[in-house]
Structures are given as structure tokens and as C-alpha cells.
Amino acid sequence: PTAFLLIIYVKTVSQGD
């Protein structure tokens, strides 16, 4: 749920790098 979305968000930000 929310935690799952947070993980995806962090992953996306990391890839942004």
C-alpha cells in the first residue's frame, strides 16, 4: 500500500540520478 508506493517513489528518484 502506501509503504509500497513509497518504495517505488524512492526507486524512481534513485533512477532519476
N, C-alpha and C. Protein backbone atom coordinates (compact mmCIF):
# COMPACT_ATOMS: atom_id res chain seq x y z
N PRO A 1 0.84 -1.21 0.00
CA PRO A 1 0.00 0.00 0.00
C PRO A 1 0.87 1.24 0.00
N THR A 2 0.55 2.12 0.98
CA THR A 2 1.34 3.36 0.99
C THR A 2 2.83 3.05 1.02
N ALA A 3 3.23 2.14 1.91
CA ALA A 3 4.65 1.78 2.02
C ALA A 3 5.16 1.31 0.67
N PHE A 4 4.33 0.53 -0.04
CA PHE A 4 4.73 0.02 -1.35
C PHE A 4 4.98 1.18 -2.31
N LEU A 5 4.09 2.16 -2.28
CA LEU A 5 4.24 3.32 -3.16
C LEU A 5 5.50 4.10 -2.81
N LEU A 6 5.79 4.19 -1.51
CA LEU A 6 7.00 4.91 -1.08
C LEU A 6 8.24 4.24 -1.65
N ILE A 7 8.26 2.91 -1.63
CA ILE A 7 9.42 2.18 -2.16
C ILE A 7 9.59 2.51 -3.65
N ILE A 8 8.50 2.48 -4.38
CA ILE A 8 8.57 2.78 -5.82
C ILE A 8 9.04 4.21 -6.02
N TYR A 9 8.55 5.12 -5.19
CA TYR A 9 8.93 6.53 -5.31
C TYR A 9 10.43 6.69 -5.11
N VAL A 10 10.95 6.06 -4.05
CA VAL A 10 12.38 6.15 -3.77
C VAL A 10 13.17 5.57 -4.94
N LYS A 11 12.70 4.43 -5.46
CA LYS A 11 13.39 3.81 -6.59
C LYS A 11 13.41 4.76 -7.78
N THR A 12 12.29 5.40 -8.04
CA THR A 12 12.22 6.32 -9.16
C THR A 12 13.20 7.47 -8.98
N VAL A 13 13.26 8.02 -7.79
CA VAL A 13 14.16 9.14 -7.52
C VAL A 13 15.61 8.69 -7.72
N SER A 14 15.91 7.48 -7.25
CA SER A 14 17.28 6.97 -7.40
C SER A 14 17.63 6.86 -8.88
N GLN A 15 16.66 6.39 -9.68
CA GLN A 15 16.90 6.25 -11.11
C GLN A 15 17.03 7.63 -11.76
N GLY A 16 16.40 8.63 -11.13
CA GLY A 16 16.46 9.98 -11.67
C GLY A 16 17.90 10.45 -11.75
N ASP A 17 18.58 9.81 -10.78
CA ASP A 17 20.01 10.14 -10.74
C ASP A 17 20.67 9.57 -11.99
